[in-house]
Full PDB file with SEQRES, HELIX, SHEET, SSBOND, CRYST1, ORIGX, SCALE, CONECT and MASTER records, all heavy atoms in Angstrom:
SEQRES   1 A   34  VAL THR HIS TRP PRO THR SER ASN GLY GLY ASN GLY HIS          
SEQRES   2 A   34  TRP TYR GLY LEU TYR VAL ASN TYR ASP ASP SER ALA LEU          
SEQRES   3 A   34  SER VAL SER GLN ILE GLU GLU TYR                              
HELIX    1 AA1 THR A    6  ASN A    8  5                                   3    
HELIX    2 AA2 ASP A   23  ALA A   25  5                                   3    
HELIX    3 AA3 VAL A   28  GLU A   33  1                                   6    
SHEET    1 AA1 2 THR A   2  HIS A   3  0                                        
SHEET    2 AA1 2 TRP A  14  TYR A  15 -1                                        
CRYST1    1.000    1.000    1.000  90.00  90.00  90.00 P 1           1          
ORIGX1      1.000000  0.000000  0.000000        0.00000                         
ORIGX2      0.000000  1.000000  0.000000        0.00000                         
ORIGX3      0.000000  0.000000  1.000000        0.00000                         
SCALE1      1.000000  0.000000  0.000000        0.00000                         
SCALE2      0.000000  1.000000  0.000000        0.00000                         
SCALE3      0.000000  0.000000  1.000000        0.00000                         
ATOM      1  N   VAL A   1       3.380  -3.424   2.710  1.00  0.00           N  
ATOM      2  CA  VAL A   1       3.519  -4.869   2.516  1.00  0.00           C  
ATOM      3  C   VAL A   1       3.671  -5.538   3.875  1.00  0.00           C  
ATOM      4  O   VAL A   1       4.092  -4.915   4.858  1.00  0.00           O  
ATOM      5  CB  VAL A   1       4.726  -5.228   1.622  1.00  0.00           C  
ATOM      6  CG1 VAL A   1       4.568  -4.663   0.232  1.00  0.00           C  
ATOM      7  CG2 VAL A   1       6.031  -4.765   2.249  1.00  0.00           C  
ATOM      8  N   THR A   2       3.298  -6.813   3.927  1.00  0.00           N  
ATOM      9  CA  THR A   2       3.473  -7.590   5.146  1.00  0.00           C  
ATOM     10  C   THR A   2       3.818  -9.023   4.780  1.00  0.00           C  
ATOM     11  O   THR A   2       3.569  -9.460   3.653  1.00  0.00           O  
ATOM     12  CB  THR A   2       2.201  -7.548   6.021  1.00  0.00           C  
ATOM     13  OG1 THR A   2       2.497  -8.106   7.312  1.00  0.00           O  
ATOM     14  CG2 THR A   2       1.059  -8.333   5.391  1.00  0.00           C  
ATOM     15  N   HIS A   3       4.380  -9.732   5.721  1.00  0.00           N  
ATOM     16  CA  HIS A   3       4.819 -11.110   5.496  1.00  0.00           C  
ATOM     17  C   HIS A   3       4.180 -12.012   6.537  1.00  0.00           C  
ATOM     18  O   HIS A   3       4.111 -11.667   7.726  1.00  0.00           O  
ATOM     19  CB  HIS A   3       6.346 -11.181   5.609  1.00  0.00           C  
ATOM     20  CG  HIS A   3       6.914 -12.539   5.358  1.00  0.00           C  
ATOM     21  ND1 HIS A   3       7.795 -13.163   6.233  1.00  0.00           N  
ATOM     22  CD2 HIS A   3       6.734 -13.407   4.328  1.00  0.00           C  
ATOM     23  CE1 HIS A   3       8.128 -14.346   5.747  1.00  0.00           C  
ATOM     24  NE2 HIS A   3       7.490 -14.525   4.611  1.00  0.00           N  
ATOM     25  N   TRP A   4       3.684 -13.176   6.091  1.00  0.00           N  
ATOM     26  CA  TRP A   4       3.096 -14.166   7.003  1.00  0.00           C  
ATOM     27  C   TRP A   4       4.054 -15.349   7.077  1.00  0.00           C  
ATOM     28  O   TRP A   4       3.955 -16.299   6.304  1.00  0.00           O  
ATOM     29  CB  TRP A   4       1.720 -14.597   6.498  1.00  0.00           C  
ATOM     30  CG  TRP A   4       0.908 -15.338   7.517  1.00  0.00           C  
ATOM     31  CD1 TRP A   4       1.033 -15.283   8.862  1.00  0.00           C  
ATOM     32  CD2 TRP A   4      -0.168 -16.241   7.258  1.00  0.00           C  
ATOM     33  NE1 TRP A   4       0.098 -16.079   9.477  1.00  0.00           N  
ATOM     34  CE2 TRP A   4      -0.652 -16.687   8.510  1.00  0.00           C  
ATOM     35  CE3 TRP A   4      -0.780 -16.724   6.097  1.00  0.00           C  
ATOM     36  CZ2 TRP A   4      -1.710 -17.580   8.626  1.00  0.00           C  
ATOM     37  CZ3 TRP A   4      -1.826 -17.608   6.221  1.00  0.00           C  
ATOM     38  CH2 TRP A   4      -2.291 -18.034   7.468  1.00  0.00           C  
ATOM     39  N   PRO A   5       4.996 -15.338   8.010  1.00  0.00           N  
ATOM     40  CA  PRO A   5       6.061 -16.343   8.039  1.00  0.00           C  
ATOM     41  C   PRO A   5       5.558 -17.720   8.460  1.00  0.00           C  
ATOM     42  O   PRO A   5       4.626 -17.849   9.247  1.00  0.00           O  
ATOM     43  CB  PRO A   5       7.051 -15.776   9.056  1.00  0.00           C  
ATOM     44  CG  PRO A   5       6.232 -14.908   9.942  1.00  0.00           C  
ATOM     45  CD  PRO A   5       5.148 -14.327   9.072  1.00  0.00           C  
ATOM     46  N   THR A   6       6.198 -18.731   7.928  1.00  0.00           N  
ATOM     47  CA  THR A   6       5.842 -20.102   8.301  1.00  0.00           C  
ATOM     48  C   THR A   6       6.140 -20.368   9.770  1.00  0.00           C  
ATOM     49  O   THR A   6       5.489 -21.208  10.398  1.00  0.00           O  
ATOM     50  CB  THR A   6       6.617 -21.107   7.431  1.00  0.00           C  
ATOM     51  OG1 THR A   6       8.030 -20.839   7.543  1.00  0.00           O  
ATOM     52  CG2 THR A   6       6.204 -20.986   5.967  1.00  0.00           C  
ATOM     53  N   SER A   7       7.095 -19.642  10.333  1.00  0.00           N  
ATOM     54  CA  SER A   7       7.424 -19.822  11.747  1.00  0.00           C  
ATOM     55  C   SER A   7       6.281 -19.408  12.661  1.00  0.00           C  
ATOM     56  O   SER A   7       6.229 -19.820  13.822  1.00  0.00           O  
ATOM     57  CB  SER A   7       8.680 -19.021  12.100  1.00  0.00           C  
ATOM     58  OG  SER A   7       8.491 -17.648  11.834  1.00  0.00           O  
ATOM     59  N   ASN A   8       5.361 -18.607  12.126  1.00  0.00           N  
ATOM     60  CA  ASN A   8       4.179 -18.187  12.885  1.00  0.00           C  
ATOM     61  C   ASN A   8       2.926 -18.915  12.422  1.00  0.00           C  
ATOM     62  O   ASN A   8       1.807 -18.446  12.648  1.00  0.00           O  
ATOM     63  CB  ASN A   8       3.970 -16.681  12.761  1.00  0.00           C  
ATOM     64  CG  ASN A   8       5.023 -15.884  13.501  1.00  0.00           C  
ATOM     65  OD1 ASN A   8       5.785 -16.434  14.303  1.00  0.00           O  
ATOM     66  ND2 ASN A   8       5.087 -14.591  13.237  1.00  0.00           N  
ATOM     67  N   GLY A   9       3.107 -20.036  11.721  1.00  0.00           N  
ATOM     68  CA  GLY A   9       1.967 -20.789  11.231  1.00  0.00           C  
ATOM     69  C   GLY A   9       1.417 -20.304   9.918  1.00  0.00           C  
ATOM     70  O   GLY A   9       0.339 -20.745   9.491  1.00  0.00           O  
ATOM     71  N   GLY A  10       2.137 -19.405   9.254  1.00  0.00           N  
ATOM     72  CA  GLY A  10       1.670 -18.836   8.004  1.00  0.00           C  
ATOM     73  C   GLY A  10       2.090 -19.639   6.794  1.00  0.00           C  
ATOM     74  O   GLY A  10       2.668 -20.722   6.896  1.00  0.00           O  
ATOM     75  N   ASN A  11       1.842 -19.072   5.614  1.00  0.00           N  
ATOM     76  CA  ASN A  11       2.155 -19.749   4.358  1.00  0.00           C  
ATOM     77  C   ASN A  11       3.463 -19.269   3.734  1.00  0.00           C  
ATOM     78  O   ASN A  11       3.832 -19.719   2.648  1.00  0.00           O  
ATOM     79  CB  ASN A  11       1.006 -19.560   3.357  1.00  0.00           C  
ATOM     80  CG  ASN A  11       0.661 -18.091   3.147  1.00  0.00           C  
ATOM     81  OD1 ASN A  11       1.454 -17.205   3.475  1.00  0.00           O  
ATOM     82  ND2 ASN A  11      -0.528 -17.831   2.613  1.00  0.00           N  
ATOM     83  N   GLY A  12       4.140 -18.334   4.387  1.00  0.00           N  
ATOM     84  CA  GLY A  12       5.393 -17.804   3.860  1.00  0.00           C  
ATOM     85  C   GLY A  12       5.214 -16.765   2.780  1.00  0.00           C  
ATOM     86  O   GLY A  12       6.199 -16.283   2.220  1.00  0.00           O  
ATOM     87  N   HIS A  13       3.981 -16.369   2.482  1.00  0.00           N  
ATOM     88  CA  HIS A  13       3.723 -15.407   1.411  1.00  0.00           C  
ATOM     89  C   HIS A  13       3.792 -13.972   1.922  1.00  0.00           C  
ATOM     90  O   HIS A  13       3.700 -13.708   3.124  1.00  0.00           O  
ATOM     91  CB  HIS A  13       2.340 -15.662   0.794  1.00  0.00           C  
ATOM     92  CG  HIS A  13       2.223 -16.982   0.108  1.00  0.00           C  
ATOM     93  ND1 HIS A  13       1.063 -17.412  -0.503  1.00  0.00           N  
ATOM     94  CD2 HIS A  13       3.114 -17.986  -0.072  1.00  0.00           C  
ATOM     95  CE1 HIS A  13       1.242 -18.613  -1.019  1.00  0.00           C  
ATOM     96  NE2 HIS A  13       2.490 -18.985  -0.761  1.00  0.00           N  
ATOM     97  N   TRP A  14       3.932 -13.069   0.947  1.00  0.00           N  
ATOM     98  CA  TRP A  14       3.881 -11.633   1.213  1.00  0.00           C  
ATOM     99  C   TRP A  14       2.581 -11.087   0.654  1.00  0.00           C  
ATOM    100  O   TRP A  14       2.030 -11.615  -0.315  1.00  0.00           O  
ATOM    101  CB  TRP A  14       5.070 -10.930   0.562  1.00  0.00           C  
ATOM    102  CG  TRP A  14       6.385 -11.245   1.201  1.00  0.00           C  
ATOM    103  CD1 TRP A  14       7.108 -12.390   1.069  1.00  0.00           C  
ATOM    104  CD2 TRP A  14       7.136 -10.407   2.073  1.00  0.00           C  
ATOM    105  NE1 TRP A  14       8.259 -12.337   1.809  1.00  0.00           N  
ATOM    106  CE2 TRP A  14       8.309 -11.119   2.427  1.00  0.00           C  
ATOM    107  CE3 TRP A  14       6.939  -9.128   2.581  1.00  0.00           C  
ATOM    108  CZ2 TRP A  14       9.268 -10.578   3.277  1.00  0.00           C  
ATOM    109  CZ3 TRP A  14       7.905  -8.582   3.426  1.00  0.00           C  
ATOM    110  CH2 TRP A  14       9.056  -9.313   3.778  1.00  0.00           C  
ATOM    111  N   TYR A  15       2.091  -9.993   1.255  1.00  0.00           N  
ATOM    112  CA  TYR A  15       0.857  -9.353   0.819  1.00  0.00           C  
ATOM    113  C   TYR A  15       1.103  -7.851   0.660  1.00  0.00           C  
ATOM    114  O   TYR A  15       1.748  -7.232   1.516  1.00  0.00           O  
ATOM    115  CB  TYR A  15      -0.267  -9.576   1.829  1.00  0.00           C  
ATOM    116  CG  TYR A  15      -0.597 -11.034   2.064  1.00  0.00           C  
ATOM    117  CD1 TYR A  15       0.157 -11.794   2.967  1.00  0.00           C  
ATOM    118  CD2 TYR A  15      -1.644 -11.656   1.387  1.00  0.00           C  
ATOM    119  CE1 TYR A  15      -0.123 -13.134   3.185  1.00  0.00           C  
ATOM    120  CE2 TYR A  15      -1.932 -12.998   1.600  1.00  0.00           C  
ATOM    121  CZ  TYR A  15      -1.168 -13.727   2.503  1.00  0.00           C  
ATOM    122  OH  TYR A  15      -1.448 -15.053   2.707  1.00  0.00           O  
ATOM    123  N   GLY A  16       0.604  -7.295  -0.430  1.00  0.00           N  
ATOM    124  CA  GLY A  16       0.745  -5.866  -0.672  1.00  0.00           C  
ATOM    125  C   GLY A  16      -0.617  -5.217  -0.846  1.00  0.00           C  
ATOM    126  O   GLY A  16      -1.461  -5.716  -1.590  1.00  0.00           O  
ATOM    127  N   LEU A  17      -0.830  -4.101  -0.163  1.00  0.00           N  
ATOM    128  CA  LEU A  17      -2.063  -3.339  -0.291  1.00  0.00           C  
ATOM    129  C   LEU A  17      -1.835  -2.195  -1.275  1.00  0.00           C  
ATOM    130  O   LEU A  17      -0.918  -1.394  -1.098  1.00  0.00           O  
ATOM    131  CB  LEU A  17      -2.497  -2.778   1.064  1.00  0.00           C  
ATOM    132  CG  LEU A  17      -3.713  -1.855   1.042  1.00  0.00           C  
ATOM    133  CD1 LEU A  17      -4.959  -2.604   0.597  1.00  0.00           C  
ATOM    134  CD2 LEU A  17      -3.917  -1.210   2.417  1.00  0.00           C  
ATOM    135  N   TYR A  18      -2.680  -2.139  -2.302  1.00  0.00           N  
ATOM    136  CA  TYR A  18      -2.553  -1.129  -3.353  1.00  0.00           C  
ATOM    137  C   TYR A  18      -3.769  -0.207  -3.385  1.00  0.00           C  
ATOM    138  O   TYR A  18      -4.897  -0.645  -3.140  1.00  0.00           O  
ATOM    139  CB  TYR A  18      -2.449  -1.788  -4.725  1.00  0.00           C  
ATOM    140  CG  TYR A  18      -1.152  -2.498  -5.012  1.00  0.00           C  
ATOM    141  CD1 TYR A  18      -0.882  -3.743  -4.457  1.00  0.00           C  
ATOM    142  CD2 TYR A  18      -0.197  -1.931  -5.854  1.00  0.00           C  
ATOM    143  CE1 TYR A  18       0.305  -4.407  -4.735  1.00  0.00           C  
ATOM    144  CE2 TYR A  18       0.985  -2.592  -6.141  1.00  0.00           C  
ATOM    145  CZ  TYR A  18       1.236  -3.831  -5.572  1.00  0.00           C  
ATOM    146  OH  TYR A  18       2.404  -4.489  -5.847  1.00  0.00           O  
ATOM    147  N   VAL A  19      -3.507   1.055  -3.739  1.00  0.00           N  
ATOM    148  CA  VAL A  19      -4.569   1.992  -4.104  1.00  0.00           C  
ATOM    149  C   VAL A  19      -4.343   2.367  -5.566  1.00  0.00           C  
ATOM    150  O   VAL A  19      -3.221   2.711  -5.964  1.00  0.00           O  
ATOM    151  CB  VAL A  19      -4.538   3.259  -3.235  1.00  0.00           C  
ATOM    152  CG1 VAL A  19      -5.594   4.252  -3.704  1.00  0.00           C  
ATOM    153  CG2 VAL A  19      -4.752   2.918  -1.771  1.00  0.00           C  
ATOM    154  N   ASN A  20      -5.395   2.290  -6.384  1.00  0.00           N  
ATOM    155  CA  ASN A  20      -5.297   2.725  -7.767  1.00  0.00           C  
ATOM    156  C   ASN A  20      -5.722   4.185  -7.839  1.00  0.00           C  
ATOM    157  O   ASN A  20      -6.817   4.540  -7.415  1.00  0.00           O  
ATOM    158  CB  ASN A  20      -6.201   1.875  -8.663  1.00  0.00           C  
ATOM    159  CG  ASN A  20      -5.940   2.129 -10.134  1.00  0.00           C  
ATOM    160  OD1 ASN A  20      -4.810   2.407 -10.534  1.00  0.00           O  
ATOM    161  ND2 ASN A  20      -6.969   2.041 -10.943  1.00  0.00           N  
ATOM    162  N   TYR A  21      -4.863   5.038  -8.367  1.00  0.00           N  
ATOM    163  CA  TYR A  21      -5.144   6.461  -8.326  1.00  0.00           C  
ATOM    164  C   TYR A  21      -4.644   7.147  -9.591  1.00  0.00           C  
ATOM    165  O   TYR A  21      -3.927   6.580 -10.405  1.00  0.00           O  
ATOM    166  CB  TYR A  21      -4.489   7.094  -7.104  1.00  0.00           C  
ATOM    167  CG  TYR A  21      -3.002   7.354  -7.248  1.00  0.00           C  
ATOM    168  CD1 TYR A  21      -2.507   8.650  -7.319  1.00  0.00           C  
ATOM    169  CD2 TYR A  21      -2.089   6.304  -7.313  1.00  0.00           C  
ATOM    170  CE1 TYR A  21      -1.151   8.885  -7.453  1.00  0.00           C  
ATOM    171  CE2 TYR A  21      -0.730   6.532  -7.448  1.00  0.00           C  
ATOM    172  CZ  TYR A  21      -0.259   7.826  -7.512  1.00  0.00           C  
ATOM    173  OH  TYR A  21       1.072   8.060  -7.647  1.00  0.00           O  
ATOM    174  N   ASP A  22      -5.046   8.405  -9.741  1.00  0.00           N  
ATOM    175  CA  ASP A  22      -4.656   9.213 -10.888  1.00  0.00           C  
ATOM    176  C   ASP A  22      -3.817  10.374 -10.378  1.00  0.00           C  
ATOM    177  O   ASP A  22      -4.349  11.342  -9.845  1.00  0.00           O  
ATOM    178  CB  ASP A  22      -5.906   9.727 -11.611  1.00  0.00           C  
ATOM    179  CG  ASP A  22      -5.573  10.492 -12.891  1.00  0.00           C  
ATOM    180  OD1 ASP A  22      -4.368  10.684 -13.167  1.00  0.00           O  
ATOM    181  OD2 ASP A  22      -6.504  10.898 -13.593  1.00  0.00           O  
ATOM    182  N   ASP A  23      -2.503  10.286 -10.534  1.00  0.00           N  
ATOM    183  CA  ASP A  23      -1.663  11.349  -9.987  1.00  0.00           C  
ATOM    184  C   ASP A  23      -1.717  12.614 -10.827  1.00  0.00           C  
ATOM    185  O   ASP A  23      -1.293  13.675 -10.398  1.00  0.00           O  
ATOM    186  CB  ASP A  23      -0.222  10.885  -9.790  1.00  0.00           C  
ATOM    187  CG  ASP A  23       0.485  10.502 -11.084  1.00  0.00           C  
ATOM    188  OD1 ASP A  23      -0.144  10.578 -12.155  1.00  0.00           O  
ATOM    189  OD2 ASP A  23       1.656  10.122 -11.012  1.00  0.00           O  
ATOM    190  N   SER A  24      -2.270  12.542 -12.041  1.00  0.00           N  
ATOM    191  CA  SER A  24      -2.419  13.750 -12.845  1.00  0.00           C  
ATOM    192  C   SER A  24      -3.526  14.641 -12.303  1.00  0.00           C  
ATOM    193  O   SER A  24      -3.631  15.802 -12.671  1.00  0.00           O  
ATOM    194  CB  SER A  24      -2.735  13.378 -14.300  1.00  0.00           C  
ATOM    195  OG  SER A  24      -4.009  12.756 -14.393  1.00  0.00           O  
ATOM    196  N   ALA A  25      -4.369  14.083 -11.411  1.00  0.00           N  
ATOM    197  CA  ALA A  25      -5.482  14.856 -10.864  1.00  0.00           C  
ATOM    198  C   ALA A  25      -5.079  15.672  -9.645  1.00  0.00           C  
ATOM    199  O   ALA A  25      -5.868  16.451  -9.126  1.00  0.00           O  
ATOM    200  CB  ALA A  25      -6.631  13.924 -10.493  1.00  0.00           C  
ATOM    201  N   LEU A  26      -3.855  15.501  -9.177  1.00  0.00           N  
ATOM    202  CA  LEU A  26      -3.420  16.213  -7.979  1.00  0.00           C  
ATOM    203  C   LEU A  26      -3.212  17.697  -8.281  1.00  0.00           C  
ATOM    204  O   LEU A  26      -2.628  18.064  -9.292  1.00  0.00           O  
ATOM    205  CB  LEU A  26      -2.110  15.637  -7.453  1.00  0.00           C  
ATOM    206  CG  LEU A  26      -2.169  14.215  -6.881  1.00  0.00           C  
ATOM    207  CD1 LEU A  26      -0.769  13.775  -6.497  1.00  0.00           C  
ATOM    208  CD2 LEU A  26      -3.088  14.145  -5.694  1.00  0.00           C  
ATOM    209  N   SER A  27      -3.699  18.544  -7.378  1.00  0.00           N  
ATOM    210  CA  SER A  27      -3.450  19.979  -7.482  1.00  0.00           C  
ATOM    211  C   SER A  27      -2.517  20.392  -6.347  1.00  0.00           C  
ATOM    212  O   SER A  27      -2.337  19.669  -5.373  1.00  0.00           O  
ATOM    213  CB  SER A  27      -4.757  20.761  -7.369  1.00  0.00           C  
ATOM    214  OG  SER A  27      -5.307  20.618  -6.072  1.00  0.00           O  
ATOM    215  N   VAL A  28      -1.923  21.574  -6.480  1.00  0.00           N  
ATOM    216  CA  VAL A  28      -1.031  22.061  -5.439  1.00  0.00           C  
ATOM    217  C   VAL A  28      -1.775  22.172  -4.113  1.00  0.00           C  
ATOM    218  O   VAL A  28      -1.265  21.791  -3.063  1.00  0.00           O  
ATOM    219  CB  VAL A  28      -0.442  23.425  -5.836  1.00  0.00           C  
ATOM    220  CG1 VAL A  28       0.353  24.028  -4.665  1.00  0.00           C  
ATOM    221  CG2 VAL A  28       0.452  23.283  -7.055  1.00  0.00           C  
ATOM    222  N   SER A  29      -3.006  22.664  -4.151  1.00  0.00           N  
ATOM    223  CA  SER A  29      -3.767  22.820  -2.909  1.00  0.00           C  
ATOM    224  C   SER A  29      -4.062  21.466  -2.268  1.00  0.00           C  
ATOM    225  O   SER A  29      -4.010  21.319  -1.049  1.00  0.00           O  
ATOM    226  CB  SER A  29      -5.077  23.557  -3.184  1.00  0.00           C  
ATOM    227  OG  SER A  29      -5.888  22.837  -4.104  1.00  0.00           O  
ATOM    228  N   GLN A  30      -4.368  20.456  -3.100  1.00  0.00           N  
ATOM    229  CA  GLN A  30      -4.611  19.119  -2.562  1.00  0.00           C  
ATOM    230  C   GLN A  30      -3.352  18.573  -1.909  1.00  0.00           C  
ATOM    231  O   GLN A  30      -3.400  17.999  -0.820  1.00  0.00           O  
ATOM    232  CB  GLN A  30      -5.062  18.174  -3.674  1.00  0.00           C  
ATOM    233  CG  GLN A  30      -6.512  18.332  -4.070  1.00  0.00           C  
ATOM    234  CD  GLN A  30      -6.847  17.407  -5.219  1.00  0.00           C  
ATOM    235  OE1 GLN A  30      -6.075  17.285  -6.165  1.00  0.00           O  
ATOM    236  NE2 GLN A  30      -7.988  16.765  -5.128  1.00  0.00           N  
ATOM    237  N   ILE A  31      -2.231  18.741  -2.587  1.00  0.00           N  
ATOM    238  CA  ILE A  31      -0.979  18.232  -2.042  1.00  0.00           C  
ATOM    239  C   ILE A  31      -0.671  18.887  -0.706  1.00  0.00           C  
ATOM    240  O   ILE A  31      -0.340  18.211   0.273  1.00  0.00           O  
ATOM    241  CB  ILE A  31       0.178  18.474  -3.038  1.00  0.00           C  
ATOM    242  CG1 ILE A  31      -0.015  17.608  -4.287  1.00  0.00           C  
ATOM    243  CG2 ILE A  31       1.525  18.184  -2.385  1.00  0.00           C  
ATOM    244  CD1 ILE A  31       0.974  17.884  -5.385  1.00  0.00           C  
ATOM    245  N   GLU A  32      -0.817  20.217  -0.626  1.00  0.00           N  
ATOM    246  CA  GLU A  32      -0.524  20.910   0.614  1.00  0.00           C  
ATOM    247  C   GLU A  32      -1.489  20.485   1.716  1.00  0.00           C  
ATOM    248  O   GLU A  32      -1.089  20.196   2.834  1.00  0.00           O  
ATOM    249  CB  GLU A  32      -0.604  22.424   0.388  1.00  0.00           C  
ATOM    250  CG  GLU A  32       0.512  22.962  -0.492  1.00  0.00           C  
ATOM    251  CD  GLU A  32       0.340  24.438  -0.775  1.00  0.00           C  
ATOM    252  OE1 GLU A  32      -0.748  24.967  -0.479  1.00  0.00           O  
ATOM    253  OE2 GLU A  32       1.287  25.053  -1.301  1.00  0.00           O  
ATOM    254  N   GLU A  33      -2.781  20.419   1.382  1.00  0.00           N  
ATOM    255  CA  GLU A  33      -3.784  20.083   2.389  1.00  0.00           C  
ATOM    256  C   GLU A  33      -3.579  18.682   2.933  1.00  0.00           C  
ATOM    257  O   GLU A  33      -3.535  18.482   4.146  1.00  0.00           O  
ATOM    258  CB  GLU A  33      -5.185  20.201   1.776  1.00  0.00           C  
ATOM    259  CG  GLU A  33      -6.291  19.753   2.731  1.00  0.00           C  
ATOM    260  CD  GLU A  33      -7.657  19.742   2.067  1.00  0.00           C  
ATOM    261  OE1 GLU A  33      -7.756  20.186   0.901  1.00  0.00           O  
ATOM    262  OE2 GLU A  33      -8.602  19.277   2.716  1.00  0.00           O  
ATOM    263  N   TYR A  34      -3.450  17.712   2.028  1.00  0.00           N  
ATOM    264  CA  TYR A  34      -3.393  16.332   2.479  1.00  0.00           C  
ATOM    265  C   TYR A  34      -2.034  15.977   3.057  1.00  0.00           C  
ATOM    266  O   TYR A  34      -1.946  15.198   3.987  1.00  0.00           O  
ATOM    267  CB  TYR A  34      -3.767  15.379   1.339  1.00  0.00           C  
ATOM    268  CG  TYR A  34      -5.248  15.349   1.105  1.00  0.00           C  
ATOM    269  CD1 TYR A  34      -5.832  16.100   0.099  1.00  0.00           C  
ATOM    270  CD2 TYR A  34      -6.087  14.583   1.905  1.00  0.00           C  
ATOM    271  CE1 TYR A  34      -7.205  16.088  -0.107  1.00  0.00           C  
ATOM    272  CE2 TYR A  34      -7.451  14.565   1.718  1.00  0.00           C  
ATOM    273  CZ  TYR A  34      -8.006  15.310   0.710  1.00  0.00           C  
ATOM    274  OH  TYR A  34      -9.344  15.306   0.518  1.00  0.00           O  
TER     275      TYR A  34                                                      
MASTER        0    0    0    3    2    0    0    6  274    1    0    3          
END                                                                             
């Protein structure tokens, strides 16, 4: 997440970056590797 403060000329809003994923697809080997 990040914040764009009005003190820096921003709108005072927050922004969140999301990834949509399937955690049921994770395998032990994937977890260890990544």
